[in-house]
Amino acid sequence: MNSLKALLIVTLMTASFAAMAEGGGDTVTAKMEAARMTAMTSHQQSESATAAATASNQNASTSDASRSN
């Protein structure tokens, strides 16, 4: 039983080291950074589109109010 536990521990440690070897952590970090930049760009574009739509709606409502008087 003890040798089975030791073998299991060695196997798990080897698998975790192999996953992170040769810059595996750097690859994951780079992917996360790229995904964050994509999300931030998308968010900024949607914010600017919303702001432009709001401004045009406010201008249209101001024009409508002045025409009705």
PDB file of N, CA and C in Angstrom:
ATOM      1  N   MET A   1       0.825  -1.193   0.000  1.00  0.00           N
ATOM      2  CA  MET A   1       0.000   0.000   0.000  1.00  0.00           C
ATOM      3  C   MET A   1       0.866   1.253   0.000  1.00  0.00           C
ATOM      4  N   ASN A   2       1.949   1.255   0.819  1.00  0.00           N
ATOM      5  CA  ASN A   2       2.821   2.422   0.864  1.00  0.00           C
ATOM      6  C   ASN A   2       3.544   2.619  -0.460  1.00  0.00           C
ATOM      7  N   SER A   3       3.935   1.520  -1.103  1.00  0.00           N
ATOM      8  CA  SER A   3       4.620   1.664  -2.388  1.00  0.00           C
ATOM      9  C   SER A   3       3.647   2.177  -3.457  1.00  0.00           C
ATOM     10  N   LEU A   4       2.379   1.801  -3.342  1.00  0.00           N
ATOM     11  CA  LEU A   4       1.375   2.286  -4.270  1.00  0.00           C
ATOM     12  C   LEU A   4       1.168   3.798  -4.100  1.00  0.00           C
ATOM     13  N   LYS A   5       1.139   4.263  -2.850  1.00  0.00           N
ATOM     14  CA  LYS A   5       1.011   5.690  -2.584  1.00  0.00           C
ATOM     15  C   LYS A   5       2.227   6.446  -3.108  1.00  0.00           C
ATOM     16  N   ALA A   6       3.394   5.911  -2.897  1.00  0.00           N
ATOM     17  CA  ALA A   6       4.623   6.558  -3.369  1.00  0.00           C
ATOM     18  C   ALA A   6       4.622   6.637  -4.894  1.00  0.00           C
ATOM     19  N   LEU A   7       4.202   5.572  -5.557  1.00  0.00           N
ATOM     20  CA  LEU A   7       4.135   5.569  -7.015  1.00  0.00           C
ATOM     21  C   LEU A   7       3.117   6.603  -7.512  1.00  0.00           C
ATOM     22  N   LEU A   8       1.993   6.690  -6.844  1.00  0.00           N
ATOM     23  CA  LEU A   8       0.971   7.662  -7.212  1.00  0.00           C
ATOM     24  C   LEU A   8       1.495   9.091  -7.058  1.00  0.00           C
ATOM     25  N   ILE A   9       2.169   9.368  -5.962  1.00  0.00           N
ATOM     26  CA  ILE A   9       2.721  10.705  -5.723  1.00  0.00           C
ATOM     27  C   ILE A   9       3.755  11.058  -6.785  1.00  0.00           C
ATOM     28  N   VAL A  10       4.636  10.118  -7.096  1.00  0.00           N
ATOM     29  CA  VAL A  10       5.660  10.368  -8.110  1.00  0.00           C
ATOM     30  C   VAL A  10       5.013  10.607  -9.473  1.00  0.00           C
ATOM     31  N   THR A  11       4.000   9.834  -9.797  1.00  0.00           N
ATOM     32  CA  THR A  11       3.319   9.992 -11.077  1.00  0.00           C
ATOM     33  C   THR A  11       2.643  11.357 -11.174  1.00  0.00           C
ATOM     34  N   LEU A  12       1.958  11.759 -10.127  1.00  0.00           N
ATOM     35  CA  LEU A  12       1.283  13.055 -10.135  1.00  0.00           C
ATOM     36  C   LEU A  12       2.269  14.219 -10.197  1.00  0.00           C
ATOM     37  N   MET A  13       3.367  14.099  -9.472  1.00  0.00           N
ATOM     38  CA  MET A  13       4.384  15.159  -9.504  1.00  0.00           C
ATOM     39  C   MET A  13       5.012  15.259 -10.886  1.00  0.00           C
ATOM     40  N   THR A  14       5.266  14.134 -11.511  1.00  0.00           N
ATOM     41  CA  THR A  14       5.861  14.130 -12.846  1.00  0.00           C
ATOM     42  C   THR A  14       4.908  14.756 -13.853  1.00  0.00           C
ATOM     43  N   ALA A  15       3.636  14.436 -13.744  1.00  0.00           N
ATOM     44  CA  ALA A  15       2.645  14.990 -14.673  1.00  0.00           C
ATOM     45  C   ALA A  15       2.538  16.502 -14.516  1.00  0.00           C
ATOM     46  N   SER A  16       2.555  16.991 -13.297  1.00  0.00           N
ATOM     47  CA  SER A  16       2.434  18.437 -13.091  1.00  0.00           C
ATOM     48  C   SER A  16       3.685  19.160 -13.566  1.00  0.00           C
ATOM     49  N   PHE A  17       4.848  18.567 -13.337  1.00  0.00           N
ATOM     50  CA  PHE A  17       6.075  19.199 -13.827  1.00  0.00           C
ATOM     51  C   PHE A  17       6.121  19.192 -15.341  1.00  0.00           C
ATOM     52  N   ALA A  18       5.654  18.132 -15.954  1.00  0.00           N
ATOM     53  CA  ALA A  18       5.662  18.046 -17.417  1.00  0.00           C
ATOM     54  C   ALA A  18       4.716  19.071 -18.031  1.00  0.00           C
ATOM     55  N   ALA A  19       3.624  19.335 -17.372  1.00  0.00           N
ATOM     56  CA  ALA A  19       2.656  20.302 -17.900  1.00  0.00           C
ATOM     57  C   ALA A  19       3.222  21.718 -17.875  1.00  0.00           C
ATOM     58  N   MET A  20       4.009  22.035 -16.880  1.00  0.00           N
ATOM     59  CA  MET A  20       4.536  23.383 -16.744  1.00  0.00           C
ATOM     60  C   MET A  20       5.965  23.526 -17.284  1.00  0.00           C
ATOM     61  N   ALA A  21       6.552  22.464 -17.785  1.00  0.00           N
ATOM     62  CA  ALA A  21       7.924  22.510 -18.278  1.00  0.00           C
ATOM     63  C   ALA A  21       8.005  23.267 -19.591  1.00  0.00           C
ATOM     64  N   GLU A  22       9.163  23.780 -19.875  1.00  0.00           N
ATOM     65  CA  GLU A  22       9.445  24.446 -21.151  1.00  0.00           C
ATOM     66  C   GLU A  22       8.520  25.621 -21.421  1.00  0.00           C
ATOM     67  N   GLY A  23       8.239  26.434 -20.435  1.00  0.00           N
ATOM     68  CA  GLY A  23       7.453  27.639 -20.658  1.00  0.00           C
ATOM     69  C   GLY A  23       5.964  27.404 -20.739  1.00  0.00           C
ATOM     70  N   GLY A  24       5.472  26.313 -20.204  1.00  0.00           N
ATOM     71  CA  GLY A  24       4.039  26.059 -20.224  1.00  0.00           C
ATOM     72  C   GLY A  24       3.260  27.136 -19.492  1.00  0.00           C
ATOM     73  N   GLY A  25       3.811  27.606 -18.395  1.00  0.00           N
ATOM     74  CA  GLY A  25       3.172  28.676 -17.639  1.00  0.00           C
ATOM     75  C   GLY A  25       3.175  29.980 -18.419  1.00  0.00           C
ATOM     76  N   ASP A  26       4.242  30.218 -19.167  1.00  0.00           N
ATOM     77  CA  ASP A  26       4.323  31.429 -19.988  1.00  0.00           C
ATOM     78  C   ASP A  26       3.272  31.402 -21.089  1.00  0.00           C
ATOM     79  N   THR A  27       3.043  30.238 -21.649  1.00  0.00           N
ATOM     80  CA  THR A  27       2.043  30.100 -22.704  1.00  0.00           C
ATOM     81  C   THR A  27       0.653  30.411 -22.168  1.00  0.00           C
ATOM     82  N   VAL A  28       0.355  29.887 -20.998  1.00  0.00           N
ATOM     83  CA  VAL A  28      -0.953  30.126 -20.386  1.00  0.00           C
ATOM     84  C   VAL A  28      -1.123  31.609 -20.070  1.00  0.00           C
ATOM     85  N   THR A  29      -0.084  32.221 -19.529  1.00  0.00           N
ATOM     86  CA  THR A  29      -0.141  33.641 -19.196  1.00  0.00           C
ATOM     87  C   THR A  29      -0.338  34.487 -20.452  1.00  0.00           C
ATOM     88  N   ALA A  30       0.354  34.140 -21.525  1.00  0.00           N
ATOM     89  CA  ALA A  30       0.221  34.883 -22.780  1.00  0.00           C
ATOM     90  C   ALA A  30      -1.197  34.760 -23.338  1.00  0.00           C
ATOM     91  N   LYS A  31      -1.780  33.573 -23.254  1.00  0.00           N
ATOM     92  CA  LYS A  31      -3.156  33.379 -23.734  1.00  0.00           C
ATOM     93  C   LYS A  31      -4.141  34.186 -22.903  1.00  0.00           C
ATOM     94  N   MET A  32      -3.944  34.212 -21.589  1.00  0.00           N
ATOM     95  CA  MET A  32      -4.828  34.984 -20.720  1.00  0.00           C
ATOM     96  C   MET A  32      -4.711  36.478 -21.022  1.00  0.00           C
ATOM     97  N   GLU A  33      -3.497  36.955 -21.252  1.00  0.00           N
ATOM     98  CA  GLU A  33      -3.282  38.362 -21.564  1.00  0.00           C
ATOM     99  C   GLU A  33      -3.932  38.731 -22.893  1.00  0.00           C
ATOM    100  N   ALA A  34      -3.813  37.863 -23.888  1.00  0.00           N
ATOM    101  CA  ALA A  34      -4.437  38.123 -25.191  1.00  0.00           C
ATOM    102  C   ALA A  34      -5.960  38.160 -25.069  1.00  0.00           C
ATOM    103  N   ALA A  35      -6.518  37.247 -24.288  1.00  0.00           N
ATOM    104  CA  ALA A  35      -7.965  37.227 -24.089  1.00  0.00           C
ATOM    105  C   ALA A  35      -8.431  38.483 -23.355  1.00  0.00           C
ATOM    106  N   ARG A  36      -7.644  38.951 -22.394  1.00  0.00           N
ATOM    107  CA  ARG A  36      -7.994  40.165 -21.654  1.00  0.00           C
ATOM    108  C   ARG A  36      -7.966  41.384 -22.575  1.00  0.00           C
ATOM    109  N   MET A  37      -6.960  41.465 -23.422  1.00  0.00           N
ATOM    110  CA  MET A  37      -6.862  42.597 -24.345  1.00  0.00           C
ATOM    111  C   MET A  37      -8.024  42.601 -25.343  1.00  0.00           C
ATOM    112  N   THR A  38      -8.408  41.427 -25.817  1.00  0.00           N
ATOM    113  CA  THR A  38      -9.541  41.320 -26.735  1.00  0.00           C
ATOM    114  C   THR A  38     -10.827  41.769 -26.057  1.00  0.00           C
ATOM    115  N   ALA A  39     -11.014  41.345 -24.818  1.00  0.00           N
ATOM    116  CA  ALA A  39     -12.213  41.720 -24.075  1.00  0.00           C
ATOM    117  C   ALA A  39     -12.247  43.222 -23.805  1.00  0.00           C
ATOM    118  N   MET A  40     -11.101  43.796 -23.458  1.00  0.00           N
ATOM    119  CA  MET A  40     -11.058  45.233 -23.181  1.00  0.00           C
ATOM    120  C   MET A  40     -11.342  46.044 -24.447  1.00  0.00           C
ATOM    121  N   THR A  41     -10.810  45.617 -25.578  1.00  0.00           N
ATOM    122  CA  THR A  41     -11.057  46.316 -26.838  1.00  0.00           C
ATOM    123  C   THR A  41     -12.534  46.256 -27.201  1.00  0.00           C
ATOM    124  N   SER A  42     -13.119  45.082 -27.059  1.00  0.00           N
ATOM    125  CA  SER A  42     -14.536  44.913 -27.357  1.00  0.00           C
ATOM    126  C   SER A  42     -15.392  45.781 -26.437  1.00  0.00           C
ATOM    127  N   HIS A  43     -15.031  45.821 -25.173  1.00  0.00           N
ATOM    128  CA  HIS A  43     -15.784  46.610 -24.194  1.00  0.00           C
ATOM    129  C   HIS A  43     -15.692  48.106 -24.525  1.00  0.00           C
ATOM    130  N   GLN A  44     -14.501  48.574 -24.884  1.00  0.00           N
ATOM    131  CA  GLN A  44     -14.332  49.988 -25.212  1.00  0.00           C
ATOM    132  C   GLN A  44     -15.120  50.356 -26.461  1.00  0.00           C
ATOM    133  N   GLN A  45     -15.140  49.466 -27.451  1.00  0.00           N
ATOM    134  CA  GLN A  45     -15.893  49.738 -28.669  1.00  0.00           C
ATOM    135  C   GLN A  45     -17.387  49.798 -28.387  1.00  0.00           C
ATOM    136  N   SER A  46     -17.874  48.895 -27.557  1.00  0.00           N
ATOM    137  CA  SER A  46     -19.307  48.906 -27.246  1.00  0.00           C
ATOM    138  C   SER A  46     -19.671  50.127 -26.415  1.00  0.00           C
ATOM    139  N   GLU A  47     -18.766  50.563 -25.538  1.00  0.00           N
ATOM    140  CA  GLU A  47     -19.020  51.775 -24.750  1.00  0.00           C
ATOM    141  C   GLU A  47     -19.089  53.001 -25.638  1.00  0.00           C
ATOM    142  N   SER A  48     -18.173  53.111 -26.600  1.00  0.00           N
ATOM    143  CA  SER A  48     -18.176  54.287 -27.470  1.00  0.00           C
ATOM    144  C   SER A  48     -19.403  54.285 -28.381  1.00  0.00           C
ATOM    145  N   ALA A  49     -19.835  53.095 -28.814  1.00  0.00           N
ATOM    146  CA  ALA A  49     -21.040  53.010 -29.645  1.00  0.00           C
ATOM    147  C   ALA A  49     -22.274  53.414 -28.840  1.00  0.00           C
ATOM    148  N   THR A  50     -22.333  53.002 -27.589  1.00  0.00           N
ATOM    149  CA  THR A  50     -23.451  53.361 -26.721  1.00  0.00           C
ATOM    150  C   THR A  50     -23.462  54.865 -26.453  1.00  0.00           C
ATOM    151  N   ALA A  51     -22.287  55.434 -26.231  1.00  0.00           N
ATOM    152  CA  ALA A  51     -22.201  56.871 -25.977  1.00  0.00           C
ATOM    153  C   ALA A  51     -22.624  57.656 -27.207  1.00  0.00           C
ATOM    154  N   ALA A  52     -22.241  57.214 -28.393  1.00  0.00           N
ATOM    155  CA  ALA A  52     -22.621  57.907 -29.622  1.00  0.00           C
ATOM    156  C   ALA A  52     -24.131  57.812 -29.843  1.00  0.00           C
ATOM    157  N   ALA A  53     -24.700  56.650 -29.568  1.00  0.00           N
ATOM    158  CA  ALA A  53     -26.144  56.474 -29.737  1.00  0.00           C
ATOM    159  C   ALA A  53     -26.910  57.351 -28.742  1.00  0.00           C
ATOM    160  N   THR A  54     -26.427  57.431 -27.533  1.00  0.00           N
ATOM    161  CA  THR A  54     -27.070  58.259 -26.515  1.00  0.00           C
ATOM    162  C   THR A  54     -27.001  59.732 -26.905  1.00  0.00           C
ATOM    163  N   ALA A  55     -25.847  60.156 -27.393  1.00  0.00           N
ATOM    164  CA  ALA A  55     -25.702  61.562 -27.796  1.00  0.00           C
ATOM    165  C   ALA A  55     -26.613  61.892 -28.967  1.00  0.00           C
ATOM    166  N   SER A  56     -26.721  61.003 -29.935  1.00  0.00           N
ATOM    167  CA  SER A  56     -27.592  61.279 -31.080  1.00  0.00           C
ATOM    168  C   SER A  56     -29.063  61.272 -30.661  1.00  0.00           C
ATOM    169  N   ASN A  57     -29.425  60.417 -29.719  1.00  0.00           N
ATOM    170  CA  ASN A  57     -30.801  60.403 -29.219  1.00  0.00           C
ATOM    171  C   ASN A  57     -31.123  61.690 -28.468  1.00  0.00           C
ATOM    172  N   GLN A  58     -30.173  62.191 -27.697  1.00  0.00           N
ATOM    173  CA  GLN A  58     -30.394  63.435 -26.965  1.00  0.00           C
ATOM    174  C   GLN A  58     -30.524  64.604 -27.927  1.00  0.00           C
ATOM    175  N   ASN A  59     -29.722  64.627 -28.983  1.00  0.00           N
ATOM    176  CA  ASN A  59     -29.813  65.699 -29.973  1.00  0.00           C
ATOM    177  C   ASN A  59     -31.149  65.639 -30.700  1.00  0.00           C
ATOM    178  N   ALA A  60     -31.608  64.441 -31.021  1.00  0.00           N
ATOM    179  CA  ALA A  60     -32.882  64.287 -31.718  1.00  0.00           C
ATOM    180  C   ALA A  60     -34.043  64.726 -30.827  1.00  0.00           C
ATOM    181  N   SER A  61     -33.988  64.394 -29.552  1.00  0.00           N
ATOM    182  CA  SER A  61     -35.085  64.769 -28.652  1.00  0.00           C
ATOM    183  C   SER A  61     -35.090  66.273 -28.430  1.00  0.00           C
ATOM    184  N   THR A  62     -33.951  66.931 -28.410  1.00  0.00           N
ATOM    185  CA  THR A  62     -33.873  68.380 -28.256  1.00  0.00           C
ATOM    186  C   THR A  62     -34.469  69.051 -29.492  1.00  0.00           C
ATOM    187  N   SER A  63     -34.167  68.526 -30.653  1.00  0.00           N
ATOM    188  CA  SER A  63     -34.704  69.078 -31.910  1.00  0.00           C
ATOM    189  C   SER A  63     -36.220  68.901 -31.953  1.00  0.00           C
ATOM    190  N   ASP A  64     -36.698  67.757 -31.515  1.00  0.00           N
ATOM    191  CA  ASP A  64     -38.142  67.500 -31.503  1.00  0.00           C
ATOM    192  C   ASP A  64     -38.864  68.452 -30.564  1.00  0.00           C
ATOM    193  N   ALA A  65     -38.263  68.744 -29.422  1.00  0.00           N
ATOM    194  CA  ALA A  65     -38.898  69.622 -28.466  1.00  0.00           C
ATOM    195  C   ALA A  65     -38.984  71.043 -29.010  1.00  0.00           C
ATOM    196  N   SER A  66     -37.948  71.481 -29.704  1.00  0.00           N
ATOM    197  CA  SER A  66     -37.974  72.841 -30.233  1.00  0.00           C
ATOM    198  C   SER A  66     -38.958  72.957 -31.399  1.00  0.00           C
ATOM    199  N   ARG A  67     -39.170  71.895 -32.139  1.00  0.00           N
ATOM    200  CA  ARG A  67     -40.134  71.916 -33.251  1.00  0.00           C
ATOM    201  C   ARG A  67     -41.582  71.925 -32.751  1.00  0.00           C
ATOM    202  N   SER A  68     -41.807  71.295 -31.622  1.00  0.00           N
ATOM    203  CA  SER A  68     -43.180  71.206 -31.136  1.00  0.00           C
ATOM    204  C   SER A  68     -43.664  72.502 -30.532  1.00  0.00           C
ATOM    205  N   ASN A  69     -42.754  73.375 -30.150  1.00  0.00           N
ATOM    206  CA  ASN A  69     -43.166  74.649 -29.548  1.00  0.00           C
ATOM    207  C   ASN A  69     -43.547  75.595 -30.569  1.00  0.00           C
TER     208      ASN A  69
END
